[in-house]
Amino acid sequence: MCGPEPINCFPVLVNILSNSFLRLSNSTARFRVWSQLFYMGENSELKNYIFYGLFTYLLILAAGLPPLYAMSNVEDYKVRSTSC
């Protein structure tokens, strides 16, 4: 029922349980669940938004790491720690 990939089992289980609860409440509505890992449509605006958002995040991260490393080294120098 789930297929060879375990990623398909959870949506199938949710579909079975949801439809079972709906049948118990005498409802005619049904859930339809499908699993696609990613939306397959082409949307260049969304791709640009994601790319520039991640790029900005990485720039901020890259700008913040060297001072943190330098402060760690200064603190080590102040307490006169040595490496083995």
PDB file of N, CA and C in Angstrom:
ATOM      1  N   MET A   1       0.816  -1.190   0.000  1.00  0.00           N
ATOM      2  CA  MET A   1       0.000   0.000   0.000  1.00  0.00           C
ATOM      3  C   MET A   1       0.863   1.258   0.000  1.00  0.00           C
ATOM      4  N   CYS A   2       1.972   1.216   0.726  1.00  0.00           N
ATOM      5  CA  CYS A   2       2.822   2.401   0.825  1.00  0.00           C
ATOM      6  C   CYS A   2       3.823   2.503  -0.319  1.00  0.00           C
ATOM      7  N   GLY A   3       4.119   1.420  -0.966  1.00  0.00           N
ATOM      8  CA  GLY A   3       5.103   1.456  -2.033  1.00  0.00           C
ATOM      9  C   GLY A   3       6.487   1.185  -1.476  1.00  0.00           C
ATOM     10  N   PRO A   4       7.478   1.151  -2.352  1.00  0.00           N
ATOM     11  CA  PRO A   4       8.832   0.800  -1.904  1.00  0.00           C
ATOM     12  C   PRO A   4       9.530   1.912  -1.128  1.00  0.00           C
ATOM     13  N   GLU A   5       9.065   3.164  -1.241  1.00  0.00           N
ATOM     14  CA  GLU A   5       9.729   4.270  -0.565  1.00  0.00           C
ATOM     15  C   GLU A   5       8.975   4.616   0.712  1.00  0.00           C
ATOM     16  N   PRO A   6       9.673   4.696   1.837  1.00  0.00           N
ATOM     17  CA  PRO A   6       8.978   4.990   3.096  1.00  0.00           C
ATOM     18  C   PRO A   6       8.423   6.408   3.167  1.00  0.00           C
ATOM     19  N   ILE A   7       8.892   7.311   2.298  1.00  0.00           N
ATOM     20  CA  ILE A   7       8.397   8.681   2.333  1.00  0.00           C
ATOM     21  C   ILE A   7       6.927   8.746   1.916  1.00  0.00           C
ATOM     22  N   ASN A   8       6.455   7.727   1.206  1.00  0.00           N
ATOM     23  CA  ASN A   8       5.063   7.714   0.769  1.00  0.00           C
ATOM     24  C   ASN A   8       4.114   7.166   1.834  1.00  0.00           C
ATOM     25  N   CYS A   9       4.631   6.526   2.861  1.00  0.00           N
ATOM     26  CA  CYS A   9       3.770   5.871   3.848  1.00  0.00           C
ATOM     27  C   CYS A   9       2.996   6.870   4.706  1.00  0.00           C
ATOM     28  N   PHE A  10       3.621   7.951   5.128  1.00  0.00           N
ATOM     29  CA  PHE A  10       2.933   8.889   6.009  1.00  0.00           C
ATOM     30  C   PHE A  10       1.732   9.550   5.343  1.00  0.00           C
ATOM     31  N   PRO A  11       1.847  10.081   4.116  1.00  0.00           N
ATOM     32  CA  PRO A  11       0.648  10.647   3.488  1.00  0.00           C
ATOM     33  C   PRO A  11      -0.466   9.624   3.283  1.00  0.00           C
ATOM     34  N   VAL A  12      -0.099   8.391   2.970  1.00  0.00           N
ATOM     35  CA  VAL A  12      -1.119   7.346   2.794  1.00  0.00           C
ATOM     36  C   VAL A  12      -1.804   7.058   4.118  1.00  0.00           C
ATOM     37  N   LEU A  13      -1.038   6.979   5.191  1.00  0.00           N
ATOM     38  CA  LEU A  13      -1.603   6.744   6.515  1.00  0.00           C
ATOM     39  C   LEU A  13      -2.534   7.881   6.929  1.00  0.00           C
ATOM     40  N   VAL A  14      -2.129   9.122   6.685  1.00  0.00           N
ATOM     41  CA  VAL A  14      -2.973  10.277   7.003  1.00  0.00           C
ATOM     42  C   VAL A  14      -4.259  10.224   6.196  1.00  0.00           C
ATOM     43  N   ASN A  15      -4.174   9.853   4.951  1.00  0.00           N
ATOM     44  CA  ASN A  15      -5.356   9.759   4.101  1.00  0.00           C
ATOM     45  C   ASN A  15      -6.314   8.690   4.629  1.00  0.00           C
ATOM     46  N   ILE A  16      -5.801   7.535   4.976  1.00  0.00           N
ATOM     47  CA  ILE A  16      -6.654   6.446   5.476  1.00  0.00           C
ATOM     48  C   ILE A  16      -7.328   6.837   6.782  1.00  0.00           C
ATOM     49  N   LEU A  17      -6.553   7.383   7.711  1.00  0.00           N
ATOM     50  CA  LEU A  17      -7.124   7.775   9.003  1.00  0.00           C
ATOM     51  C   LEU A  17      -8.154   8.888   8.867  1.00  0.00           C
ATOM     52  N   SER A  18      -7.839   9.896   8.067  1.00  0.00           N
ATOM     53  CA  SER A  18      -8.759  11.019   7.898  1.00  0.00           C
ATOM     54  C   SER A  18     -10.073  10.569   7.269  1.00  0.00           C
ATOM     55  N   ASN A  19      -9.982   9.760   6.243  1.00  0.00           N
ATOM     56  CA  ASN A  19     -11.201   9.270   5.600  1.00  0.00           C
ATOM     57  C   ASN A  19     -11.988   8.334   6.511  1.00  0.00           C
ATOM     58  N   SER A  20     -11.299   7.577   7.342  1.00  0.00           N
ATOM     59  CA  SER A  20     -11.999   6.702   8.300  1.00  0.00           C
ATOM     60  C   SER A  20     -12.772   7.527   9.317  1.00  0.00           C
ATOM     61  N   PHE A  21     -12.150   8.586   9.836  1.00  0.00           N
ATOM     62  CA  PHE A  21     -12.853   9.449  10.792  1.00  0.00           C
ATOM     63  C   PHE A  21     -14.023  10.165  10.137  1.00  0.00           C
ATOM     64  N   LEU A  22     -13.871  10.541   8.876  1.00  0.00           N
ATOM     65  CA  LEU A  22     -14.990  11.178   8.178  1.00  0.00           C
ATOM     66  C   LEU A  22     -16.139  10.202   7.985  1.00  0.00           C
ATOM     67  N   ARG A  23     -15.825   8.948   7.668  1.00  0.00           N
ATOM     68  CA  ARG A  23     -16.890   7.945   7.504  1.00  0.00           C
ATOM     69  C   ARG A  23     -17.602   7.676   8.830  1.00  0.00           C
ATOM     70  N   LEU A  24     -16.856   7.695   9.928  1.00  0.00           N
ATOM     71  CA  LEU A  24     -17.464   7.472  11.236  1.00  0.00           C
ATOM     72  C   LEU A  24     -18.437   8.588  11.609  1.00  0.00           C
ATOM     73  N   SER A  25     -18.163   9.791  11.120  1.00  0.00           N
ATOM     74  CA  SER A  25     -19.055  10.911  11.421  1.00  0.00           C
ATOM     75  C   SER A  25     -20.145  11.074  10.354  1.00  0.00           C
ATOM     76  N   ASN A  26     -20.320  10.073   9.496  1.00  0.00           N
ATOM     77  CA  ASN A  26     -21.350  10.059   8.444  1.00  0.00           C
ATOM     78  C   ASN A  26     -21.231  11.241   7.488  1.00  0.00           C
ATOM     79  N   SER A  27     -20.016  11.599   7.152  1.00  0.00           N
ATOM     80  CA  SER A  27     -19.783  12.684   6.217  1.00  0.00           C
ATOM     81  C   SER A  27     -19.560  12.116   4.817  1.00  0.00           C
ATOM     82  N   THR A  28     -19.946  12.889   3.813  1.00  0.00           N
ATOM     83  CA  THR A  28     -19.726  12.455   2.434  1.00  0.00           C
ATOM     84  C   THR A  28     -18.426  13.018   1.863  1.00  0.00           C
ATOM     85  N   ALA A  29     -17.789  13.916   2.594  1.00  0.00           N
ATOM     86  CA  ALA A  29     -16.535  14.505   2.127  1.00  0.00           C
ATOM     87  C   ALA A  29     -15.400  13.501   2.266  1.00  0.00           C
ATOM     88  N   ARG A  30     -14.402  13.642   1.441  1.00  0.00           N
ATOM     89  CA  ARG A  30     -13.227  12.774   1.492  1.00  0.00           C
ATOM     90  C   ARG A  30     -11.971  13.614   1.320  1.00  0.00           C
ATOM     91  N   PHE A  31     -10.895  13.143   1.945  1.00  0.00           N
ATOM     92  CA  PHE A  31      -9.588  13.762   1.763  1.00  0.00           C
ATOM     93  C   PHE A  31      -8.845  13.041   0.659  1.00  0.00           C
ATOM     94  N   ARG A  32      -8.086  13.799  -0.081  1.00  0.00           N
ATOM     95  CA  ARG A  32      -7.204  13.211  -1.082  1.00  0.00           C
ATOM     96  C   ARG A  32      -5.799  13.712  -0.780  1.00  0.00           C
ATOM     97  N   VAL A  33      -4.894  12.804  -0.533  1.00  0.00           N
ATOM     98  CA  VAL A  33      -3.532  13.155  -0.147  1.00  0.00           C
ATOM     99  C   VAL A  33      -2.577  12.608  -1.188  1.00  0.00           C
ATOM    100  N   TRP A  34      -1.619  13.416  -1.583  1.00  0.00           N
ATOM    101  CA  TRP A  34      -0.575  12.961  -2.488  1.00  0.00           C
ATOM    102  C   TRP A  34       0.740  13.518  -1.992  1.00  0.00           C
ATOM    103  N   SER A  35       1.795  12.850  -2.355  1.00  0.00           N
ATOM    104  CA  SER A  35       3.117  13.291  -1.894  1.00  0.00           C
ATOM    105  C   SER A  35       3.986  13.629  -3.093  1.00  0.00           C
ATOM    106  N   GLN A  36       4.350  14.885  -3.138  1.00  0.00           N
ATOM    107  CA  GLN A  36       5.359  15.358  -4.078  1.00  0.00           C
ATOM    108  C   GLN A  36       6.375  16.103  -3.238  1.00  0.00           C
ATOM    109  N   LEU A  37       7.630  15.816  -3.445  1.00  0.00           N
ATOM    110  CA  LEU A  37       8.639  16.443  -2.617  1.00  0.00           C
ATOM    111  C   LEU A  37       8.711  17.942  -2.844  1.00  0.00           C
ATOM    112  N   PHE A  38       8.626  18.356  -4.088  1.00  0.00           N
ATOM    113  CA  PHE A  38       8.729  19.768  -4.412  1.00  0.00           C
ATOM    114  C   PHE A  38       7.701  20.125  -5.470  1.00  0.00           C
ATOM    115  N   TYR A  39       7.320  21.371  -5.476  1.00  0.00           N
ATOM    116  CA  TYR A  39       6.433  21.860  -6.516  1.00  0.00           C
ATOM    117  C   TYR A  39       7.203  21.893  -7.824  1.00  0.00           C
ATOM    118  N   MET A  40       6.645  21.319  -8.859  1.00  0.00           N
ATOM    119  CA  MET A  40       7.383  21.160 -10.109  1.00  0.00           C
ATOM    120  C   MET A  40       7.206  22.312 -11.095  1.00  0.00           C
ATOM    121  N   GLY A  41       6.379  23.267 -10.777  1.00  0.00           N
ATOM    122  CA  GLY A  41       6.152  24.378 -11.688  1.00  0.00           C
ATOM    123  C   GLY A  41       7.351  25.303 -11.767  1.00  0.00           C
ATOM    124  N   GLU A  42       7.494  25.966 -12.871  1.00  0.00           N
ATOM    125  CA  GLU A  42       8.593  26.900 -13.058  1.00  0.00           C
ATOM    126  C   GLU A  42       8.153  28.288 -12.623  1.00  0.00           C
ATOM    127  N   ASN A  43       8.838  28.832 -11.638  1.00  0.00           N
ATOM    128  CA  ASN A  43       8.552  30.180 -11.177  1.00  0.00           C
ATOM    129  C   ASN A  43       9.889  30.858 -10.922  1.00  0.00           C
ATOM    130  N   SER A  44      10.365  31.609 -11.901  1.00  0.00           N
ATOM    131  CA  SER A  44      11.690  32.208 -11.790  1.00  0.00           C
ATOM    132  C   SER A  44      11.737  33.276 -10.710  1.00  0.00           C
ATOM    133  N   GLU A  45      10.613  33.950 -10.462  1.00  0.00           N
ATOM    134  CA  GLU A  45      10.592  34.971  -9.412  1.00  0.00           C
ATOM    135  C   GLU A  45      10.816  34.331  -8.044  1.00  0.00           C
ATOM    136  N   LEU A  46      10.189  33.191  -7.813  1.00  0.00           N
ATOM    137  CA  LEU A  46      10.371  32.485  -6.548  1.00  0.00           C
ATOM    138  C   LEU A  46      11.808  31.976  -6.410  1.00  0.00           C
ATOM    139  N   LYS A  47      12.363  31.463  -7.491  1.00  0.00           N
ATOM    140  CA  LYS A  47      13.746  30.983  -7.449  1.00  0.00           C
ATOM    141  C   LYS A  47      14.705  32.120  -7.125  1.00  0.00           C
ATOM    142  N   ASN A  48      14.495  33.285  -7.746  1.00  0.00           N
ATOM    143  CA  ASN A  48      15.348  34.436  -7.454  1.00  0.00           C
ATOM    144  C   ASN A  48      15.200  34.877  -6.005  1.00  0.00           C
ATOM    145  N   TYR A  49      13.972  34.873  -5.497  1.00  0.00           N
ATOM    146  CA  TYR A  49      13.724  35.270  -4.116  1.00  0.00           C
ATOM    147  C   TYR A  49      14.450  34.334  -3.154  1.00  0.00           C
ATOM    148  N   ILE A  50      14.365  33.046  -3.394  1.00  0.00           N
ATOM    149  CA  ILE A  50      15.034  32.071  -2.526  1.00  0.00           C
ATOM    150  C   ILE A  50      16.546  32.207  -2.635  1.00  0.00           C
ATOM    151  N   PHE A  51      17.052  32.354  -3.862  1.00  0.00           N
ATOM    152  CA  PHE A  51      18.498  32.464  -4.061  1.00  0.00           C
ATOM    153  C   PHE A  51      19.057  33.692  -3.361  1.00  0.00           C
ATOM    154  N   TYR A  52      18.451  34.846  -3.571  1.00  0.00           N
ATOM    155  CA  TYR A  52      18.973  36.071  -2.966  1.00  0.00           C
ATOM    156  C   TYR A  52      18.758  36.092  -1.457  1.00  0.00           C
ATOM    157  N   GLY A  53      17.696  35.463  -0.983  1.00  0.00           N
ATOM    158  CA  GLY A  53      17.504  35.362   0.457  1.00  0.00           C
ATOM    159  C   GLY A  53      18.588  34.525   1.107  1.00  0.00           C
ATOM    160  N   LEU A  54      18.890  33.359   0.522  1.00  0.00           N
ATOM    161  CA  LEU A  54      19.951  32.508   1.064  1.00  0.00           C
ATOM    162  C   LEU A  54      21.325  33.158   0.911  1.00  0.00           C
ATOM    163  N   PHE A  55      21.529  33.840  -0.202  1.00  0.00           N
ATOM    164  CA  PHE A  55      22.804  34.518  -0.426  1.00  0.00           C
ATOM    165  C   PHE A  55      23.026  35.606   0.616  1.00  0.00           C
ATOM    166  N   THR A  56      21.988  36.379   0.919  1.00  0.00           N
ATOM    167  CA  THR A  56      22.081  37.422   1.936  1.00  0.00           C
ATOM    168  C   THR A  56      22.355  36.811   3.301  1.00  0.00           C
ATOM    169  N   TYR A  57      21.674  35.731   3.614  1.00  0.00           N
ATOM    170  CA  TYR A  57      21.896  35.048   4.888  1.00  0.00           C
ATOM    171  C   TYR A  57      23.339  34.574   5.013  1.00  0.00           C
ATOM    172  N   LEU A  58      23.885  34.006   3.959  1.00  0.00           N
ATOM    173  CA  LEU A  58      25.266  33.528   3.999  1.00  0.00           C
ATOM    174  C   LEU A  58      26.253  34.678   4.128  1.00  0.00           C
ATOM    175  N   LEU A  59      25.964  35.813   3.502  1.00  0.00           N
ATOM    176  CA  LEU A  59      26.850  36.970   3.645  1.00  0.00           C
ATOM    177  C   LEU A  59      26.859  37.473   5.080  1.00  0.00           C
ATOM    178  N   ILE A  60      25.692  37.526   5.704  1.00  0.00           N
ATOM    179  CA  ILE A  60      25.630  37.974   7.095  1.00  0.00           C
ATOM    180  C   ILE A  60      26.355  36.981   7.995  1.00  0.00           C
ATOM    181  N   LEU A  61      26.178  35.707   7.737  1.00  0.00           N
ATOM    182  CA  LEU A  61      26.865  34.687   8.515  1.00  0.00           C
ATOM    183  C   LEU A  61      28.371  34.786   8.329  1.00  0.00           C
ATOM    184  N   ALA A  62      28.814  34.970   7.101  1.00  0.00           N
ATOM    185  CA  ALA A  62      30.246  35.073   6.823  1.00  0.00           C
ATOM    186  C   ALA A  62      30.842  36.326   7.447  1.00  0.00           C
ATOM    187  N   ALA A  63      30.067  37.398   7.549  1.00  0.00           N
ATOM    188  CA  ALA A  63      30.577  38.622   8.161  1.00  0.00           C
ATOM    189  C   ALA A  63      30.657  38.496   9.676  1.00  0.00           C
ATOM    190  N   GLY A  64      29.863  37.626  10.276  1.00  0.00           N
ATOM    191  CA  GLY A  64      29.847  37.512  11.725  1.00  0.00           C
ATOM    192  C   GLY A  64      30.813  36.503  12.296  1.00  0.00           C
ATOM    193  N   LEU A  65      31.287  35.554  11.506  1.00  0.00           N
ATOM    194  CA  LEU A  65      32.166  34.518  12.038  1.00  0.00           C
ATOM    195  C   LEU A  65      33.600  34.975  12.329  1.00  0.00           C
ATOM    196  N   PRO A  66      34.257  35.749  11.480  1.00  0.00           N
ATOM    197  CA  PRO A  66      35.641  36.143  11.795  1.00  0.00           C
ATOM    198  C   PRO A  66      35.789  36.925  13.101  1.00  0.00           C
ATOM    199  N   PRO A  67      34.914  37.901  13.419  1.00  0.00           N
ATOM    200  CA  PRO A  67      35.065  38.568  14.719  1.00  0.00           C
ATOM    201  C   PRO A  67      34.880  37.612  15.901  1.00  0.00           C
ATOM    202  N   LEU A  68      34.001  36.657  15.766  1.00  0.00           N
ATOM    203  CA  LEU A  68      33.795  35.679  16.831  1.00  0.00           C
ATOM    204  C   LEU A  68      35.054  34.847  17.045  1.00  0.00           C
ATOM    205  N   TYR A  69      35.674  34.435  15.959  1.00  0.00           N
ATOM    206  CA  TYR A  69      36.909  33.663  16.051  1.00  0.00           C
ATOM    207  C   TYR A  69      38.032  34.509  16.642  1.00  0.00           C
ATOM    208  N   ALA A  70      38.113  35.767  16.226  1.00  0.00           N
ATOM    209  CA  ALA A  70      39.157  36.657  16.741  1.00  0.00           C
ATOM    210  C   ALA A  70      38.970  36.908  18.229  1.00  0.00           C
ATOM    211  N   MET A  71      37.750  37.111  18.687  1.00  0.00           N
ATOM    212  CA  MET A  71      37.500  37.348  20.109  1.00  0.00           C
ATOM    213  C   MET A  71      37.852  36.112  20.924  1.00  0.00           C
ATOM    214  N   SER A  72      37.613  34.943  20.364  1.00  0.00           N
ATOM    215  CA  SER A  72      37.981  33.714  21.051  1.00  0.00           C
ATOM    216  C   SER A  72      39.494  33.633  21.212  1.00  0.00           C
ATOM    217  N   ASN A  73      40.225  34.011  20.189  1.00  0.00           N
ATOM    218  CA  ASN A  73      41.683  33.978  20.269  1.00  0.00           C
ATOM    219  C   ASN A  73      42.205  35.005  21.260  1.00  0.00           C
ATOM    220  N   VAL A  74      41.590  36.189  21.318  1.00  0.00           N
ATOM    221  CA  VAL A  74      42.011  37.217  22.268  1.00  0.00           C
ATOM    222  C   VAL A  74      41.754  36.745  23.687  1.00  0.00           C
ATOM    223  N   GLU A  75      40.608  36.109  23.907  1.00  0.00           N
ATOM    224  CA  GLU A  75      40.300  35.585  25.244  1.00  0.00           C
ATOM    225  C   GLU A  75      41.303  34.499  25.641  1.00  0.00           C
ATOM    226  N   ASP A  76      41.667  33.643  24.701  1.00  0.00           N
ATOM    227  CA  ASP A  76      42.681  32.622  24.981  1.00  0.00           C
ATOM    228  C   ASP A  76      44.023  33.269  25.330  1.00  0.00           C
ATOM    229  N   TYR A  77      44.348  34.351  24.650  1.00  0.00           N
ATOM    230  CA  TYR A  77      45.610  35.040  24.915  1.00  0.00           C
ATOM    231  C   TYR A  77      45.583  35.669  26.307  1.00  0.00           C
ATOM    232  N   LYS A  78      44.442  36.228  26.714  1.00  0.00           N
ATOM    233  CA  LYS A  78      44.333  36.869  28.017  1.00  0.00           C
ATOM    234  C   LYS A  78      44.515  35.878  29.167  1.00  0.00           C
ATOM    235  N   VAL A  79      43.951  34.677  29.022  1.00  0.00           N
ATOM    236  CA  VAL A  79      44.072  33.690  30.097  1.00  0.00           C
ATOM    237  C   VAL A  79      45.304  32.810  29.907  1.00  0.00           C
ATOM    238  N   ARG A  80      46.077  33.082  28.867  1.00  0.00           N
ATOM    239  CA  ARG A  80      47.338  32.404  28.580  1.00  0.00           C
ATOM    240  C   ARG A  80      47.170  30.897  28.449  1.00  0.00           C
ATOM    241  N   SER A  81      46.150  30.515  27.670  1.00  0.00           N
ATOM    242  CA  SER A  81      45.968  29.084  27.436  1.00  0.00           C
ATOM    243  C   SER A  81      46.903  28.607  26.341  1.00  0.00           C
ATOM    244  N   THR A  82      47.288  27.364  26.420  1.00  0.00           N
ATOM    245  CA  THR A  82      48.187  26.791  25.418  1.00  0.00           C
ATOM    246  C   THR A  82      47.570  25.538  24.843  1.00  0.00           C
ATOM    247  N   SER A  83      47.923  25.255  23.606  1.00  0.00           N
ATOM    248  CA  SER A  83      47.469  24.024  22.954  1.00  0.00           C
ATOM    249  C   SER A  83      48.473  22.921  23.230  1.00  0.00           C
ATOM    250  N   CYS A  84      47.983  21.739  23.352  1.00  0.00           N
ATOM    251  CA  CYS A  84      48.876  20.601  23.630  1.00  0.00           C
ATOM    252  C   CYS A  84      49.573  20.140  22.398  1.00  0.00           C
TER     253      CYS A  84
END
